[in-house]
Amino acid sequence: MAKAGRAAATWRAYREVSKPGSPGLLTRFKAVPRMIRGTLKGNYPHLGKGQLAMFAAGLAYIVSPVDAIPDFLIGIGVVDDFGVLIWLVSSMLAASGRYVEWEREDLELLRQKPRA
């Protein structure tokens, strides 16, 4: 069941990135630092600090030597890390894609404003 969930999350992330008109993978990765800065400064309202904290906790779990399932258990030890990694990457891709679209809409609104 867990494998099916990870596969579905991976497929959803791939489908979202490959939609026509959707920001590409490199654009999304480049937008992550801007998205984090915008969230922390309060300029980007669509990502809460709680969600940002979850991303940080996921990253800390992946790099931390302390695991729910120890890595020395061959075969299942890295499964929990892999599951968290899949969640983190797919969530970050989705969030950064929304951020890039928000930036594009904001830029378009600025272009449409008449200059005084």
N, C-alpha and C. Protein backbone atom coordinates (compact mmCIF):
# COMPACT_ATOMS: atom_id res chain seq x y z
N MET A 1 0.82 -1.20 0.00
CA MET A 1 0.00 0.00 0.00
C MET A 1 0.86 1.26 0.00
N ALA A 2 1.93 1.25 0.80
CA ALA A 2 2.80 2.43 0.88
C ALA A 2 3.49 2.67 -0.45
N LYS A 3 3.89 1.58 -1.12
CA LYS A 3 4.55 1.73 -2.43
C LYS A 3 3.60 2.37 -3.44
N ALA A 4 2.34 1.96 -3.39
CA ALA A 4 1.36 2.53 -4.31
C ALA A 4 1.16 4.02 -4.04
N GLY A 5 1.16 4.42 -2.78
CA GLY A 5 1.02 5.83 -2.42
C GLY A 5 2.19 6.66 -2.90
N ARG A 6 3.41 6.12 -2.75
CA ARG A 6 4.60 6.84 -3.22
C ARG A 6 4.60 6.93 -4.74
N ALA A 7 4.20 5.86 -5.39
CA ALA A 7 4.14 5.88 -6.86
C ALA A 7 3.10 6.89 -7.34
N ALA A 8 1.97 6.95 -6.67
CA ALA A 8 0.93 7.91 -7.04
C ALA A 8 1.40 9.34 -6.83
N ALA A 9 2.11 9.60 -5.74
CA ALA A 9 2.63 10.95 -5.48
C ALA A 9 3.65 11.34 -6.53
N THR A 10 4.49 10.40 -6.92
CA THR A 10 5.49 10.67 -7.96
C THR A 10 4.80 10.96 -9.29
N TRP A 11 3.79 10.19 -9.61
CA TRP A 11 3.06 10.39 -10.86
C TRP A 11 2.35 11.74 -10.87
N ARG A 12 1.73 12.14 -9.75
CA ARG A 12 1.06 13.44 -9.68
C ARG A 12 2.06 14.57 -9.87
N ALA A 13 3.24 14.46 -9.26
CA ALA A 13 4.27 15.49 -9.40
C ALA A 13 4.73 15.58 -10.85
N TYR A 14 4.95 14.43 -11.48
CA TYR A 14 5.38 14.42 -12.89
C TYR A 14 4.30 15.05 -13.78
N ARG A 15 3.05 14.69 -13.54
CA ARG A 15 1.95 15.21 -14.35
C ARG A 15 1.83 16.72 -14.21
N GLU A 16 2.00 17.21 -12.99
CA GLU A 16 1.90 18.65 -12.77
C GLU A 16 3.02 19.41 -13.46
N VAL A 17 4.23 18.87 -13.40
CA VAL A 17 5.38 19.53 -14.01
C VAL A 17 5.29 19.50 -15.53
N SER A 18 4.69 18.47 -16.09
CA SER A 18 4.67 18.31 -17.54
C SER A 18 3.42 18.90 -18.21
N LYS A 19 2.55 19.57 -17.45
CA LYS A 19 1.38 20.21 -18.06
C LYS A 19 1.83 21.32 -19.00
N PRO A 20 1.15 21.47 -20.14
CA PRO A 20 1.50 22.58 -21.04
C PRO A 20 1.23 23.93 -20.35
N GLY A 21 2.18 24.84 -20.46
CA GLY A 21 2.04 26.15 -19.84
C GLY A 21 2.44 26.19 -18.38
N SER A 22 2.70 25.04 -17.81
CA SER A 22 3.10 24.96 -16.40
C SER A 22 4.59 25.25 -16.28
N PRO A 23 5.01 25.86 -15.16
CA PRO A 23 6.44 26.11 -14.98
C PRO A 23 7.23 24.81 -15.03
N GLY A 24 8.37 24.83 -15.66
CA GLY A 24 9.21 23.65 -15.79
C GLY A 24 9.92 23.30 -14.49
N LEU A 25 10.57 22.17 -14.50
CA LEU A 25 11.24 21.65 -13.31
C LEU A 25 12.34 22.58 -12.83
N LEU A 26 13.19 23.05 -13.74
CA LEU A 26 14.29 23.94 -13.36
C LEU A 26 13.76 25.27 -12.83
N THR A 27 12.72 25.79 -13.45
CA THR A 27 12.10 27.04 -12.99
C THR A 27 11.57 26.87 -11.58
N ARG A 28 10.96 25.73 -11.31
CA ARG A 28 10.41 25.47 -9.97
C ARG A 28 11.53 25.38 -8.93
N PHE A 29 12.61 24.67 -9.26
CA PHE A 29 13.71 24.55 -8.31
C PHE A 29 14.37 25.90 -8.04
N LYS A 30 14.52 26.72 -9.09
CA LYS A 30 15.11 28.04 -8.91
C LYS A 30 14.21 28.95 -8.08
N ALA A 31 12.91 28.71 -8.09
CA ALA A 31 11.96 29.55 -7.37
C ALA A 31 11.89 29.24 -5.87
N VAL A 32 12.41 28.09 -5.45
CA VAL A 32 12.30 27.68 -4.04
C VAL A 32 12.91 28.71 -3.09
N PRO A 33 14.15 29.19 -3.30
CA PRO A 33 14.68 30.20 -2.37
C PRO A 33 13.85 31.49 -2.33
N ARG A 34 13.36 31.93 -3.49
CA ARG A 34 12.51 33.13 -3.53
C ARG A 34 11.21 32.89 -2.78
N MET A 35 10.64 31.69 -2.94
CA MET A 35 9.40 31.35 -2.26
C MET A 35 9.60 31.35 -0.75
N ILE A 36 10.70 30.79 -0.29
CA ILE A 36 10.98 30.75 1.15
C ILE A 36 11.17 32.16 1.69
N ARG A 37 11.96 32.97 0.99
CA ARG A 37 12.16 34.37 1.41
C ARG A 37 10.85 35.13 1.44
N GLY A 38 10.04 34.96 0.38
CA GLY A 38 8.76 35.66 0.32
C GLY A 38 7.82 35.24 1.44
N THR A 39 7.84 33.97 1.79
CA THR A 39 6.99 33.48 2.87
C THR A 39 7.45 34.03 4.21
N LEU A 40 8.76 34.00 4.45
CA LEU A 40 9.28 34.48 5.73
C LEU A 40 9.09 35.98 5.91
N LYS A 41 9.17 36.74 4.80
CA LYS A 41 8.96 38.19 4.87
C LYS A 41 7.49 38.56 4.90
N GLY A 42 6.61 37.61 4.58
CA GLY A 42 5.18 37.89 4.57
C GLY A 42 4.69 38.42 3.24
N ASN A 43 5.53 38.39 2.21
CA ASN A 43 5.14 38.89 0.89
C ASN A 43 4.33 37.87 0.09
N TYR A 44 4.51 36.59 0.39
CA TYR A 44 3.80 35.53 -0.35
C TYR A 44 2.77 34.90 0.59
N PRO A 45 1.49 35.18 0.38
CA PRO A 45 0.46 34.75 1.33
C PRO A 45 -0.04 33.31 1.16
N HIS A 46 0.38 32.62 0.11
CA HIS A 46 -0.22 31.31 -0.19
C HIS A 46 0.54 30.13 0.39
N LEU A 47 1.58 30.39 1.17
CA LEU A 47 2.32 29.32 1.83
C LEU A 47 2.52 29.75 3.27
N GLY A 48 1.96 28.96 4.17
CA GLY A 48 2.05 29.32 5.58
C GLY A 48 3.39 28.93 6.18
N LYS A 49 3.68 29.55 7.29
CA LYS A 49 4.93 29.21 7.98
C LYS A 49 4.89 27.79 8.54
N GLY A 50 3.69 27.29 8.82
CA GLY A 50 3.56 25.90 9.27
C GLY A 50 3.97 24.92 8.17
N GLN A 51 3.54 25.20 6.95
CA GLN A 51 3.93 24.35 5.81
C GLN A 51 5.43 24.42 5.59
N LEU A 52 5.99 25.61 5.72
CA LEU A 52 7.43 25.79 5.58
C LEU A 52 8.17 25.01 6.67
N ALA A 53 7.62 25.02 7.87
CA ALA A 53 8.21 24.25 8.97
C ALA A 53 8.16 22.75 8.69
N MET A 54 7.07 22.29 8.06
CA MET A 54 6.97 20.87 7.69
C MET A 54 8.04 20.51 6.65
N PHE A 55 8.28 21.40 5.70
CA PHE A 55 9.34 21.16 4.71
C PHE A 55 10.70 21.04 5.42
N ALA A 56 10.95 21.96 6.36
CA ALA A 56 12.22 21.93 7.10
C ALA A 56 12.34 20.66 7.93
N ALA A 57 11.24 20.23 8.54
CA ALA A 57 11.26 19.01 9.35
C ALA A 57 11.51 17.79 8.46
N GLY A 58 10.92 17.76 7.28
CA GLY A 58 11.16 16.67 6.34
C GLY A 58 12.61 16.61 5.90
N LEU A 59 13.18 17.75 5.60
CA LEU A 59 14.59 17.80 5.21
C LEU A 59 15.49 17.37 6.37
N ALA A 60 15.17 17.84 7.57
CA ALA A 60 15.96 17.45 8.75
C ALA A 60 15.87 15.94 8.99
N TYR A 61 14.69 15.36 8.78
CA TYR A 61 14.53 13.91 8.97
C TYR A 61 15.39 13.13 7.97
N ILE A 62 15.44 13.61 6.74
CA ILE A 62 16.20 12.90 5.70
C ILE A 62 17.69 12.94 6.01
N VAL A 63 18.21 14.08 6.44
CA VAL A 63 19.65 14.19 6.68
C VAL A 63 20.06 13.74 8.08
N SER A 64 19.10 13.58 8.96
CA SER A 64 19.39 13.19 10.34
C SER A 64 19.81 11.72 10.43
N PRO A 65 20.78 11.41 11.29
CA PRO A 65 21.16 10.01 11.48
C PRO A 65 20.13 9.23 12.31
N VAL A 66 19.20 9.93 12.97
CA VAL A 66 18.16 9.28 13.77
C VAL A 66 16.95 9.02 12.86
N ASP A 67 16.51 7.79 12.79
CA ASP A 67 15.39 7.39 11.92
C ASP A 67 14.34 6.62 12.71
N ALA A 68 13.12 6.62 12.16
CA ALA A 68 12.07 5.78 12.73
C ALA A 68 12.42 4.31 12.49
N ILE A 69 12.95 4.01 11.32
CA ILE A 69 13.42 2.66 10.99
C ILE A 69 14.91 2.79 10.69
N PRO A 70 15.78 2.17 11.50
CA PRO A 70 17.23 2.33 11.29
C PRO A 70 17.67 1.89 9.90
N ASP A 71 18.63 2.64 9.35
CA ASP A 71 19.12 2.38 7.99
C ASP A 71 19.88 1.06 7.87
N PHE A 72 20.39 0.53 8.97
CA PHE A 72 21.16 -0.71 8.88
C PHE A 72 20.26 -1.93 8.61
N LEU A 73 18.95 -1.78 8.72
CA LEU A 73 18.04 -2.87 8.36
C LEU A 73 17.90 -2.86 6.84
N ILE A 74 18.69 -3.69 6.20
CA ILE A 74 18.77 -3.72 4.73
C ILE A 74 17.37 -3.95 4.14
N GLY A 75 17.04 -3.16 3.14
CA GLY A 75 15.77 -3.34 2.44
C GLY A 75 14.67 -2.44 2.96
N ILE A 76 14.52 -2.37 4.30
CA ILE A 76 13.44 -1.52 4.82
C ILE A 76 13.97 -0.28 5.53
N GLY A 77 15.25 -0.23 5.80
CA GLY A 77 15.82 0.89 6.54
C GLY A 77 15.77 2.22 5.82
N VAL A 78 15.84 2.18 4.52
CA VAL A 78 15.82 3.43 3.76
C VAL A 78 14.43 3.76 3.22
N VAL A 79 13.48 2.88 3.44
CA VAL A 79 12.13 3.09 2.91
C VAL A 79 11.49 4.33 3.53
N ASP A 80 11.66 4.51 4.83
CA ASP A 80 11.05 5.68 5.47
C ASP A 80 11.69 6.98 4.96
N ASP A 81 13.01 6.96 4.80
CA ASP A 81 13.69 8.14 4.25
C ASP A 81 13.21 8.42 2.83
N PHE A 82 13.05 7.38 2.04
CA PHE A 82 12.61 7.54 0.66
C PHE A 82 11.18 8.08 0.61
N GLY A 83 10.33 7.59 1.48
CA GLY A 83 8.94 8.08 1.53
C GLY A 83 8.89 9.56 1.88
N VAL A 84 9.69 9.97 2.86
CA VAL A 84 9.74 11.39 3.23
C VAL A 84 10.32 12.21 2.08
N LEU A 85 11.33 11.68 1.41
CA LEU A 85 11.92 12.38 0.27
C LEU A 85 10.91 12.58 -0.85
N ILE A 86 10.15 11.55 -1.17
CA ILE A 86 9.12 11.66 -2.21
C ILE A 86 8.09 12.72 -1.83
N TRP A 87 7.65 12.69 -0.56
CA TRP A 87 6.69 13.69 -0.09
C TRP A 87 7.28 15.10 -0.20
N LEU A 88 8.52 15.24 0.26
CA LEU A 88 9.16 16.56 0.27
C LEU A 88 9.32 17.11 -1.15
N VAL A 89 9.84 16.30 -2.05
CA VAL A 89 10.07 16.77 -3.43
C VAL A 89 8.74 17.09 -4.12
N SER A 90 7.75 16.21 -3.99
CA SER A 90 6.48 16.47 -4.66
C SER A 90 5.77 17.69 -4.07
N SER A 91 5.84 17.86 -2.75
CA SER A 91 5.22 19.02 -2.12
C SER A 91 5.94 20.31 -2.50
N MET A 92 7.27 20.28 -2.51
CA MET A 92 8.03 21.47 -2.89
C MET A 92 7.82 21.84 -4.36
N LEU A 93 7.73 20.83 -5.23
CA LEU A 93 7.46 21.11 -6.64
C LEU A 93 6.10 21.75 -6.82
N ALA A 94 5.10 21.24 -6.11
CA ALA A 94 3.76 21.80 -6.21
C ALA A 94 3.73 23.23 -5.67
N ALA A 95 4.33 23.44 -4.50
CA ALA A 95 4.33 24.77 -3.88
C ALA A 95 5.11 25.78 -4.72
N SER A 96 6.27 25.37 -5.23
CA SER A 96 7.06 26.31 -6.03
C SER A 96 6.39 26.59 -7.37
N GLY A 97 5.66 25.63 -7.91
CA GLY A 97 4.90 25.87 -9.14
C GLY A 97 3.82 26.90 -8.92
N ARG A 98 3.12 26.78 -7.78
CA ARG A 98 2.10 27.78 -7.45
C ARG A 98 2.75 29.16 -7.24
N TYR A 99 3.94 29.17 -6.65
CA TYR A 99 4.64 30.43 -6.42
C TYR A 99 5.02 31.08 -7.75
N VAL A 100 5.55 30.32 -8.69
CA VAL A 100 5.93 30.87 -9.99
C VAL A 100 4.69 31.42 -10.70
N GLU A 101 3.58 30.70 -10.65
CA GLU A 101 2.35 31.19 -11.28
C GLU A 101 1.88 32.48 -10.60
N TRP A 102 1.99 32.54 -9.27
CA TRP A 102 1.64 33.76 -8.54
C TRP A 102 2.53 34.91 -8.96
N GLU A 103 3.84 34.67 -9.11
CA GLU A 103 4.77 35.71 -9.58
C GLU A 103 4.37 36.20 -10.97
N ARG A 104 4.03 35.27 -11.84
CA ARG A 104 3.65 35.65 -13.21
C ARG A 104 2.38 36.51 -13.20
N GLU A 105 1.39 36.11 -12.39
CA GLU A 105 0.15 36.89 -12.31
C GLU A 105 0.42 38.28 -11.74
N ASP A 106 1.27 38.35 -10.72
CA ASP A 106 1.61 39.63 -10.10
C ASP A 106 2.33 40.53 -11.10
N LEU A 107 3.24 39.96 -11.87
CA LEU A 107 3.97 40.72 -12.89
C LEU A 107 3.01 41.21 -13.97
N GLU A 108 2.07 40.36 -14.35
CA GLU A 108 1.09 40.75 -15.37
C GLU A 108 0.21 41.89 -14.87
N LEU A 109 -0.18 41.86 -13.59
CA LEU A 109 -0.97 42.95 -13.03
C LEU A 109 -0.18 44.26 -13.02
N LEU A 110 1.11 44.17 -12.71
CA LEU A 110 1.94 45.38 -12.72
C LEU A 110 2.06 45.95 -14.13
N ARG A 111 2.15 45.09 -15.12
CA ARG A 111 2.25 45.55 -16.51
C ARG A 111 0.97 46.22 -16.97
N GLN A 112 -0.16 45.77 -16.45
CA GLN A 112 -1.46 46.31 -16.88
C GLN A 112 -1.79 47.63 -16.20
N LYS A 113 -1.15 47.93 -15.08
CA LYS A 113 -1.44 49.18 -14.38
C LYS A 113 -0.96 50.36 -15.21
N PRO A 114 -1.83 51.36 -15.38
CA PRO A 114 -1.39 52.56 -16.11
C PRO A 114 -0.40 53.35 -15.25
N ARG A 115 0.62 53.86 -15.91
CA ARG A 115 1.63 54.66 -15.21
C ARG A 115 1.13 56.08 -15.05
N ALA A 116 1.37 56.65 -13.89
CA ALA A 116 0.90 58.02 -13.62
C ALA A 116 1.95 59.04 -13.99
